[in-house]
């Protein structure tokens, strides 16, 4: 019985981490392109995938005095490995 209790507790913790943990927004279609009108600044657009990222969501990274926002850890990692590749067309 003790084994089942441990299993159920582990399963519950695993579910909570998958549901609300890092990158949970990916489950809900957070990687799609959303339209938010003209209120988005250029730095609110993920330079890797082009997705609009709201201030309360995603990940931020300061690069050469500018804050860039990323929709996921994967996009942030790609940017950190080759920032010049993703900022070619950026004039700021």
PDB file of N, CA and C in Angstrom:
ATOM      1  N   UNK A   1       0.822  -1.195   0.000  1.00  0.00           N
ATOM      2  CA  UNK A   1       0.000   0.000   0.000  1.00  0.00           C
ATOM      3  C   UNK A   1       0.866   1.259   0.000  1.00  0.00           C
ATOM      4  N   UNK A   2       2.005   1.170   0.695  1.00  0.00           N
ATOM      5  CA  UNK A   2       2.893   2.334   0.761  1.00  0.00           C
ATOM      6  C   UNK A   2       3.441   2.687  -0.624  1.00  0.00           C
ATOM      7  N   UNK A   3       3.696   1.682  -1.437  1.00  0.00           N
ATOM      8  CA  UNK A   3       4.181   1.905  -2.801  1.00  0.00           C
ATOM      9  C   UNK A   3       3.167   2.660  -3.648  1.00  0.00           C
ATOM     10  N   UNK A   4       1.898   2.320  -3.525  1.00  0.00           N
ATOM     11  CA  UNK A   4       0.843   3.012  -4.280  1.00  0.00           C
ATOM     12  C   UNK A   4       0.691   4.453  -3.833  1.00  0.00           C
ATOM     13  N   UNK A   5       0.790   4.687  -2.538  1.00  0.00           N
ATOM     14  CA  UNK A   5       0.683   6.051  -2.024  1.00  0.00           C
ATOM     15  C   UNK A   5       1.825   6.912  -2.563  1.00  0.00           C
ATOM     16  N   UNK A   6       3.033   6.374  -2.549  1.00  0.00           N
ATOM     17  CA  UNK A   6       4.178   7.108  -3.098  1.00  0.00           C
ATOM     18  C   UNK A   6       3.982   7.379  -4.589  1.00  0.00           C
ATOM     19  N   UNK A   7       3.496   6.379  -5.295  1.00  0.00           N
ATOM     20  CA  UNK A   7       3.243   6.537  -6.729  1.00  0.00           C
ATOM     21  C   UNK A   7       2.205   7.629  -6.983  1.00  0.00           C
ATOM     22  N   UNK A   8       1.116   7.638  -6.243  1.00  0.00           N
ATOM     23  CA  UNK A   8       0.069   8.644  -6.431  1.00  0.00           C
ATOM     24  C   UNK A   8       0.571  10.052  -6.105  1.00  0.00           C
ATOM     25  N   UNK A   9       1.373  10.177  -5.065  1.00  0.00           N
ATOM     26  CA  UNK A   9       1.939  11.489  -4.725  1.00  0.00           C
ATOM     27  C   UNK A   9       2.875  11.952  -5.836  1.00  0.00           C
ATOM     28  N   UNK A  10       3.750  11.055  -6.309  1.00  0.00           N
ATOM     29  CA  UNK A  10       4.658  11.400  -7.395  1.00  0.00           C
ATOM     30  C   UNK A  10       3.876  11.794  -8.653  1.00  0.00           C
ATOM     31  N   UNK A  11       2.836  11.029  -8.980  1.00  0.00           N
ATOM     32  CA  UNK A  11       2.025  11.328 -10.166  1.00  0.00           C
ATOM     33  C   UNK A  11       1.349  12.691 -10.034  1.00  0.00           C
ATOM     34  N   UNK A  12       0.866  13.012  -8.846  1.00  0.00           N
ATOM     35  CA  UNK A  12       0.229  14.312  -8.621  1.00  0.00           C
ATOM     36  C   UNK A  12       1.218  15.461  -8.786  1.00  0.00           C
ATOM     37  N   UNK A  13       2.397  15.321  -8.220  1.00  0.00           N
ATOM     38  CA  UNK A  13       3.429  16.356  -8.360  1.00  0.00           C
ATOM     39  C   UNK A  13       3.844  16.491  -9.822  1.00  0.00           C
ATOM     40  N   UNK A  14       4.011  15.369 -10.511  1.00  0.00           N
ATOM     41  CA  UNK A  14       4.380  15.389 -11.920  1.00  0.00           C
ATOM     42  C   UNK A  14       3.313  16.119 -12.739  1.00  0.00           C
ATOM     43  N   UNK A  15       2.047  15.822 -12.491  1.00  0.00           N
ATOM     44  CA  UNK A  15       0.954  16.496 -13.202  1.00  0.00           C
ATOM     45  C   UNK A  15       1.009  18.012 -12.969  1.00  0.00           C
ATOM     46  N   UNK A  16       1.176  18.424 -11.724  1.00  0.00           N
ATOM     47  CA  UNK A  16       1.216  19.860 -11.422  1.00  0.00           C
ATOM     48  C   UNK A  16       2.386  20.545 -12.115  1.00  0.00           C
ATOM     49  N   UNK A  17       3.548  19.891 -12.140  1.00  0.00           N
ATOM     50  CA  UNK A  17       4.708  20.488 -12.802  1.00  0.00           C
ATOM     51  C   UNK A  17       4.483  20.596 -14.308  1.00  0.00           C
ATOM     52  N   UNK A  18       3.883  19.587 -14.908  1.00  0.00           N
ATOM     53  CA  UNK A  18       3.620  19.634 -16.351  1.00  0.00           C
ATOM     54  C   UNK A  18       2.535  20.662 -16.675  1.00  0.00           C
ATOM     55  N   UNK A  19       1.573  20.802 -15.809  1.00  0.00           N
ATOM     56  CA  UNK A  19       0.440  21.694 -16.066  1.00  0.00           C
ATOM     57  C   UNK A  19       0.813  23.149 -15.831  1.00  0.00           C
ATOM     58  N   UNK A  20       1.550  23.443 -14.771  1.00  0.00           N
ATOM     59  CA  UNK A  20       1.812  24.827 -14.379  1.00  0.00           C
ATOM     60  C   UNK A  20       3.289  25.192 -14.368  1.00  0.00           C
ATOM     61  N   UNK A  21       4.182  24.284 -14.680  1.00  0.00           N
ATOM     62  CA  UNK A  21       5.618  24.537 -14.598  1.00  0.00           C
ATOM     63  C   UNK A  21       6.162  25.279 -15.801  1.00  0.00           C
ATOM     64  N   UNK A  22       7.480  25.272 -15.935  1.00  0.00           N
ATOM     65  CA  UNK A  22       8.183  25.944 -17.021  1.00  0.00           C
ATOM     66  C   UNK A  22       7.665  25.451 -18.369  1.00  0.00           C
ATOM     67  N   UNK A  23       7.415  26.393 -19.271  1.00  0.00           N
ATOM     68  CA  UNK A  23       6.903  26.129 -20.611  1.00  0.00           C
ATOM     69  C   UNK A  23       5.471  25.608 -20.632  1.00  0.00           C
ATOM     70  N   UNK A  24       4.713  25.821 -19.542  1.00  0.00           N
ATOM     71  CA  UNK A  24       3.327  25.368 -19.513  1.00  0.00           C
ATOM     72  C   UNK A  24       2.509  26.058 -20.594  1.00  0.00           C
ATOM     73  N   UNK A  25       2.912  27.265 -21.001  1.00  0.00           N
ATOM     74  CA  UNK A  25       2.171  27.968 -22.044  1.00  0.00           C
ATOM     75  C   UNK A  25       2.233  27.236 -23.380  1.00  0.00           C
ATOM     76  N   UNK A  26       3.200  26.357 -23.555  1.00  0.00           N
ATOM     77  CA  UNK A  26       3.308  25.601 -24.803  1.00  0.00           C
ATOM     78  C   UNK A  26       2.130  24.645 -24.960  1.00  0.00           C
ATOM     79  N   UNK A  27       1.599  24.131 -23.850  1.00  0.00           N
ATOM     80  CA  UNK A  27       0.475  23.203 -23.884  1.00  0.00           C
ATOM     81  C   UNK A  27      -0.768  23.886 -24.429  1.00  0.00           C
ATOM     82  N   UNK A  28      -0.919  25.153 -24.151  1.00  0.00           N
ATOM     83  CA  UNK A  28      -2.118  25.895 -24.506  1.00  0.00           C
ATOM     84  C   UNK A  28      -1.968  26.650 -25.814  1.00  0.00           C
ATOM     85  N   UNK A  29      -1.079  26.241 -26.658  1.00  0.00           N
ATOM     86  CA  UNK A  29      -0.931  26.890 -27.958  1.00  0.00           C
ATOM     87  C   UNK A  29      -0.197  28.211 -27.871  1.00  0.00           C
ATOM     88  N   UNK A  30       0.641  28.402 -26.878  1.00  0.00           N
ATOM     89  CA  UNK A  30       1.335  29.666 -26.691  1.00  0.00           C
ATOM     90  C   UNK A  30       2.369  29.966 -27.756  1.00  0.00           C
ATOM     91  N   UNK A  31       2.687  29.003 -28.620  1.00  0.00           N
ATOM     92  CA  UNK A  31       3.723  29.221 -29.612  1.00  0.00           C
ATOM     93  C   UNK A  31       3.161  29.717 -30.938  1.00  0.00           C
ATOM     94  N   UNK A  32       1.848  29.928 -30.988  1.00  0.00           N
ATOM     95  CA  UNK A  32       1.236  30.442 -32.217  1.00  0.00           C
ATOM     96  C   UNK A  32       1.412  31.939 -32.326  1.00  0.00           C
ATOM     97  N   UNK A  33       1.013  32.490 -33.462  1.00  0.00           N
ATOM     98  CA  UNK A  33       1.116  33.929 -33.664  1.00  0.00           C
ATOM     99  C   UNK A  33      -0.192  34.589 -33.259  1.00  0.00           C
ATOM    100  N   UNK A  34      -0.093  35.589 -32.384  1.00  0.00           N
ATOM    101  CA  UNK A  34      -1.263  36.282 -31.883  1.00  0.00           C
ATOM    102  C   UNK A  34      -1.227  37.728 -32.349  1.00  0.00           C
ATOM    103  N   UNK A  35      -2.380  38.279 -32.627  1.00  0.00           N
ATOM    104  CA  UNK A  35      -2.470  39.671 -33.048  1.00  0.00           C
ATOM    105  C   UNK A  35      -2.909  40.521 -31.862  1.00  0.00           C
ATOM    106  N   UNK A  36      -2.152  41.562 -31.551  1.00  0.00           N
ATOM    107  CA  UNK A  36      -2.480  42.448 -30.438  1.00  0.00           C
ATOM    108  C   UNK A  36      -2.521  43.904 -30.881  1.00  0.00           C
ATOM    109  N   UNK A  37      -2.714  44.165 -32.124  1.00  0.00           N
ATOM    110  CA  UNK A  37      -2.803  45.540 -32.598  1.00  0.00           C
ATOM    111  C   UNK A  37      -1.464  46.241 -32.573  1.00  0.00           C
ATOM    112  N   UNK A  38      -1.513  47.571 -32.458  1.00  0.00           N
ATOM    113  CA  UNK A  38      -0.303  48.387 -32.489  1.00  0.00           C
ATOM    114  C   UNK A  38       0.323  48.575 -31.120  1.00  0.00           C
ATOM    115  N   UNK A  39      -0.217  47.931 -30.080  1.00  0.00           N
ATOM    116  CA  UNK A  39       0.304  48.124 -28.731  1.00  0.00           C
ATOM    117  C   UNK A  39       1.627  47.392 -28.507  1.00  0.00           C
ATOM    118  N   UNK A  40       2.009  46.505 -29.406  1.00  0.00           N
ATOM    119  CA  UNK A  40       3.242  45.735 -29.246  1.00  0.00           C
ATOM    120  C   UNK A  40       4.436  46.568 -29.730  1.00  0.00           C
ATOM    121  N   UNK A  41       5.499  46.582 -28.920  1.00  0.00           N
ATOM    122  CA  UNK A  41       6.737  47.216 -29.328  1.00  0.00           C
ATOM    123  C   UNK A  41       7.573  46.190 -30.082  1.00  0.00           C
ATOM    124  N   UNK A  42       8.528  46.641 -30.906  1.00  0.00           N
ATOM    125  CA  UNK A  42       9.367  45.675 -31.626  1.00  0.00           C
ATOM    126  C   UNK A  42      10.084  44.693 -30.700  1.00  0.00           C
ATOM    127  N   UNK A  43      10.442  45.129 -29.490  1.00  0.00           N
ATOM    128  CA  UNK A  43      11.145  44.248 -28.568  1.00  0.00           C
ATOM    129  C   UNK A  43      10.209  43.237 -27.910  1.00  0.00           C
ATOM    130  N   UNK A  44       8.888  43.365 -28.136  1.00  0.00           N
ATOM    131  CA  UNK A  44       7.930  42.398 -27.612  1.00  0.00           C
ATOM    132  C   UNK A  44       7.699  41.268 -28.604  1.00  0.00           C
ATOM    133  N   UNK A  45       8.425  41.274 -29.697  1.00  0.00           N
ATOM    134  CA  UNK A  45       8.318  40.221 -30.698  1.00  0.00           C
ATOM    135  C   UNK A  45       9.543  39.328 -30.564  1.00  0.00           C
ATOM    136  N   UNK A  46       9.305  38.050 -30.385  1.00  0.00           N
ATOM    137  CA  UNK A  46      10.392  37.079 -30.244  1.00  0.00           C
ATOM    138  C   UNK A  46      11.246  37.138 -31.512  1.00  0.00           C
ATOM    139  N   UNK A  47      12.535  37.531 -31.391  1.00  0.00           N
ATOM    140  CA  UNK A  47      13.369  37.650 -32.589  1.00  0.00           C
ATOM    141  C   UNK A  47      13.690  36.311 -33.246  1.00  0.00           C
ATOM    142  N   UNK A  48      13.449  35.209 -32.563  1.00  0.00           N
ATOM    143  CA  UNK A  48      13.758  33.895 -33.117  1.00  0.00           C
ATOM    144  C   UNK A  48      12.607  33.377 -33.976  1.00  0.00           C
ATOM    145  N   UNK A  49      11.384  33.377 -33.425  1.00  0.00           N
ATOM    146  CA  UNK A  49      10.255  32.785 -34.149  1.00  0.00           C
ATOM    147  C   UNK A  49       9.244  33.819 -34.637  1.00  0.00           C
ATOM    148  N   UNK A  50       9.358  35.082 -34.181  1.00  0.00           N
ATOM    149  CA  UNK A  50       8.456  36.132 -34.638  1.00  0.00           C
ATOM    150  C   UNK A  50       7.149  36.234 -33.873  1.00  0.00           C
ATOM    151  N   UNK A  51       6.991  35.453 -32.824  1.00  0.00           N
ATOM    152  CA  UNK A  51       5.760  35.473 -32.043  1.00  0.00           C
ATOM    153  C   UNK A  51       5.696  36.722 -31.173  1.00  0.00           C
ATOM    154  N   UNK A  52       4.501  37.295 -31.008  1.00  0.00           N
ATOM    155  CA  UNK A  52       4.287  38.396 -30.079  1.00  0.00           C
ATOM    156  C   UNK A  52       4.292  37.827 -28.664  1.00  0.00           C
ATOM    157  N   UNK A  53       5.049  38.471 -27.757  1.00  0.00           N
ATOM    158  CA  UNK A  53       5.161  38.006 -26.380  1.00  0.00           C
ATOM    159  C   UNK A  53       4.741  39.146 -25.456  1.00  0.00           C
ATOM    160  N   UNK A  54       3.739  38.902 -24.632  1.00  0.00           N
ATOM    161  CA  UNK A  54       3.282  39.923 -23.699  1.00  0.00           C
ATOM    162  C   UNK A  54       4.239  40.048 -22.535  1.00  0.00           C
ATOM    163  N   UNK A  55       4.241  41.225 -21.887  1.00  0.00           N
ATOM    164  CA  UNK A  55       5.208  41.522 -20.828  1.00  0.00           C
ATOM    165  C   UNK A  55       5.146  40.539 -19.671  1.00  0.00           C
ATOM    166  N   UNK A  56       3.964  40.070 -19.319  1.00  0.00           N
ATOM    167  CA  UNK A  56       3.818  39.172 -18.171  1.00  0.00           C
ATOM    168  C   UNK A  56       4.177  37.734 -18.517  1.00  0.00           C
ATOM    169  N   UNK A  57       4.398  37.445 -19.782  1.00  0.00           N
ATOM    170  CA  UNK A  57       4.637  36.073 -20.199  1.00  0.00           C
ATOM    171  C   UNK A  57       6.006  35.933 -20.848  1.00  0.00           C
ATOM    172  N   UNK A  58       6.416  34.718 -21.052  1.00  0.00           N
ATOM    173  CA  UNK A  58       7.657  34.462 -21.758  1.00  0.00           C
ATOM    174  C   UNK A  58       8.887  34.735 -20.911  1.00  0.00           C
ATOM    175  N   UNK A  59       9.990  34.935 -21.599  1.00  0.00           N
ATOM    176  CA  UNK A  59      11.291  35.118 -20.963  1.00  0.00           C
ATOM    177  C   UNK A  59      11.926  36.386 -21.506  1.00  0.00           C
ATOM    178  N   UNK A  60      12.681  37.092 -20.660  1.00  0.00           N
ATOM    179  CA  UNK A  60      13.347  38.318 -21.074  1.00  0.00           C
ATOM    180  C   UNK A  60      14.856  38.162 -21.037  1.00  0.00           C
ATOM    181  N   UNK A  61      15.528  38.894 -21.920  1.00  0.00           N
ATOM    182  CA  UNK A  61      16.998  38.848 -21.983  1.00  0.00           C
ATOM    183  C   UNK A  61      17.492  40.222 -22.386  1.00  0.00           C
ATOM    184  N   UNK A  62      18.395  40.795 -21.586  1.00  0.00           N
ATOM    185  CA  UNK A  62      19.023  42.064 -21.945  1.00  0.00           C
ATOM    186  C   UNK A  62      20.177  41.763 -22.888  1.00  0.00           C
ATOM    187  N   UNK A  63      20.193  42.484 -24.018  1.00  0.00           N
ATOM    188  CA  UNK A  63      21.278  42.311 -24.988  1.00  0.00           C
ATOM    189  C   UNK A  63      21.607  43.687 -25.544  1.00  0.00           C
ATOM    190  N   UNK A  64      22.841  44.126 -25.328  1.00  0.00           N
ATOM    191  CA  UNK A  64      23.319  45.425 -25.789  1.00  0.00           C
ATOM    192  C   UNK A  64      22.365  46.549 -25.407  1.00  0.00           C
ATOM    193  N   UNK A  65      21.903  46.522 -24.158  1.00  0.00           N
ATOM    194  CA  UNK A  65      21.058  47.593 -23.628  1.00  0.00           C
ATOM    195  C   UNK A  65      19.591  47.513 -24.000  1.00  0.00           C
ATOM    196  N   UNK A  66      19.162  46.478 -24.666  1.00  0.00           N
ATOM    197  CA  UNK A  66      17.763  46.313 -25.057  1.00  0.00           C
ATOM    198  C   UNK A  66      17.216  45.024 -24.450  1.00  0.00           C
ATOM    199  N   UNK A  67      15.965  45.097 -23.993  1.00  0.00           N
ATOM    200  CA  UNK A  67      15.303  43.913 -23.464  1.00  0.00           C
ATOM    201  C   UNK A  67      14.552  43.222 -24.590  1.00  0.00           C
ATOM    202  N   UNK A  68      14.881  41.968 -24.833  1.00  0.00           N
ATOM    203  CA  UNK A  68      14.190  41.168 -25.830  1.00  0.00           C
ATOM    204  C   UNK A  68      13.362  40.116 -25.104  1.00  0.00           C
ATOM    205  N   UNK A  69      12.180  39.810 -25.653  1.00  0.00           N
ATOM    206  CA  UNK A  69      11.285  38.844 -25.044  1.00  0.00           C
ATOM    207  C   UNK A  69      11.213  37.599 -25.918  1.00  0.00           C
ATOM    208  N   UNK A  70      11.099  36.444 -25.249  1.00  0.00           N
ATOM    209  CA  UNK A  70      11.076  35.152 -25.924  1.00  0.00           C
ATOM    210  C   UNK A  70       9.896  34.338 -25.432  1.00  0.00           C
ATOM    211  N   UNK A  71       9.291  33.582 -26.350  1.00  0.00           N
ATOM    212  CA  UNK A  71       8.095  32.808 -26.009  1.00  0.00           C
ATOM    213  C   UNK A  71       8.431  31.536 -25.243  1.00  0.00           C
ATOM    214  N   UNK A  72       9.647  31.030 -25.378  1.00  0.00           N
ATOM    215  CA  UNK A  72       9.997  29.758 -24.742  1.00  0.00           C
ATOM    216  C   UNK A  72      11.482  29.701 -24.417  1.00  0.00           C
ATOM    217  N   UNK A  73      11.837  28.722 -23.603  1.00  0.00           N
ATOM    218  CA  UNK A  73      13.253  28.498 -23.274  1.00  0.00           C
ATOM    219  C   UNK A  73      14.041  28.128 -24.527  1.00  0.00           C
ATOM    220  N   UNK A  74      13.408  27.392 -25.438  1.00  0.00           N
ATOM    221  CA  UNK A  74      14.102  26.997 -26.665  1.00  0.00           C
ATOM    222  C   UNK A  74      14.506  28.209 -27.492  1.00  0.00           C
ATOM    223  N   UNK A  75      13.581  29.170 -27.663  1.00  0.00           N
ATOM    224  CA  UNK A  75      13.914  30.370 -28.440  1.00  0.00           C
ATOM    225  C   UNK A  75      14.990  31.190 -27.741  1.00  0.00           C
ATOM    226  N   UNK A  76      14.919  31.289 -26.416  1.00  0.00           N
ATOM    227  CA  UNK A  76      15.940  32.010 -25.660  1.00  0.00           C
ATOM    228  C   UNK A  76      17.298  31.348 -25.842  1.00  0.00           C
ATOM    229  N   UNK A  77      17.356  30.021 -25.763  1.00  0.00           N
ATOM    230  CA  UNK A  77      18.625  29.303 -25.939  1.00  0.00           C
ATOM    231  C   UNK A  77      19.191  29.519 -27.346  1.00  0.00           C
ATOM    232  N   UNK A  78      18.335  29.479 -28.347  1.00  0.00           N
ATOM    233  CA  UNK A  78      18.791  29.704 -29.726  1.00  0.00           C
ATOM    234  C   UNK A  78      19.367  31.110 -29.868  1.00  0.00           C
ATOM    235  N   UNK A  79      18.689  32.104 -29.285  1.00  0.00           N
ATOM    236  CA  UNK A  79      19.164  33.487 -29.357  1.00  0.00           C
ATOM    237  C   UNK A  79      20.508  33.638 -28.650  1.00  0.00           C
ATOM    238  N   UNK A  80      20.625  33.052 -27.460  1.00  0.00           N
ATOM    239  CA  UNK A  80      21.874  33.175 -26.703  1.00  0.00           C
ATOM    240  C   UNK A  80      23.056  32.533 -27.430  1.00  0.00           C
ATOM    241  N   UNK A  81      22.798  31.489 -28.213  1.00  0.00           N
ATOM    242  CA  UNK A  81      23.903  30.838 -28.910  1.00  0.00           C
ATOM    243  C   UNK A  81      24.369  31.630 -30.129  1.00  0.00           C
ATOM    244  N   UNK A  82      23.457  32.352 -30.800  1.00  0.00           N
ATOM    245  CA  UNK A  82      23.804  33.124 -31.995  1.00  0.00           C
ATOM    246  C   UNK A  82      22.971  34.407 -32.091  1.00  0.00           C
ATOM    247  N   UNK A  83      23.174  35.388 -31.206  1.00  0.00           N
ATOM    248  CA  UNK A  83      22.327  36.588 -31.242  1.00  0.00           C
ATOM    249  C   UNK A  83      22.436  37.365 -32.559  1.00  0.00           C
ATOM    250  N   UNK A  84      23.610  37.380 -33.171  1.00  0.00           N
ATOM    251  CA  UNK A  84      23.783  38.136 -34.412  1.00  0.00           C
ATOM    252  C   UNK A  84      22.890  37.596 -35.526  1.00  0.00           C
ATOM    253  N   UNK A  85      22.698  36.289 -35.541  1.00  0.00           N
ATOM    254  CA  UNK A  85      21.868  35.645 -36.557  1.00  0.00           C
ATOM    255  C   UNK A  85      20.429  36.162 -36.508  1.00  0.00           C
ATOM    256  N   UNK A  86      19.916  36.406 -35.295  1.00  0.00           N
ATOM    257  CA  UNK A  86      18.517  36.806 -35.129  1.00  0.00           C
ATOM    258  C   UNK A  86      18.327  38.323 -35.115  1.00  0.00           C
ATOM    259  N   UNK A  87      19.416  39.083 -35.054  1.00  0.00           N
ATOM    260  CA  UNK A  87      19.311  40.545 -35.019  1.00  0.00           C
ATOM    261  C   UNK A  87      19.774  41.190 -36.319  1.00  0.00           C
ATOM    262  N   UNK A  88      19.969  40.433 -37.379  1.00  0.00           N
ATOM    263  CA  UNK A  88      20.451  40.978 -38.651  1.00  0.00           C
ATOM    264  C   UNK A  88      19.618  42.152 -39.119  1.00  0.00           C
ATOM    265  N   UNK A  89      18.308  41.980 -39.137  1.00  0.00           N
ATOM    266  CA  UNK A  89      17.412  43.031 -39.639  1.00  0.00           C
ATOM    267  C   UNK A  89      17.022  44.053 -38.607  1.00  0.00           C
ATOM    268  N   UNK A  90      17.528  43.926 -37.365  1.00  0.00           N
ATOM    269  CA  UNK A  90      17.159  44.835 -36.280  1.00  0.00           C
ATOM    270  C   UNK A  90      18.026  46.074 -36.334  1.00  0.00           C
ATOM    271  N   UNK A  91      17.384  47.235 -36.452  1.00  0.00           N
ATOM    272  CA  UNK A  91      18.122  48.503 -36.551  1.00  0.00           C
ATOM    273  C   UNK A  91      18.260  49.201 -35.224  1.00  0.00           C
ATOM    274  N   UNK A  92      17.738  48.631 -34.128  1.00  0.00           N
ATOM    275  CA  UNK A  92      17.789  49.323 -32.842  1.00  0.00           C
ATOM    276  C   UNK A  92      19.095  49.136 -32.118  1.00  0.00           C
TER     277      UNK A  92
END
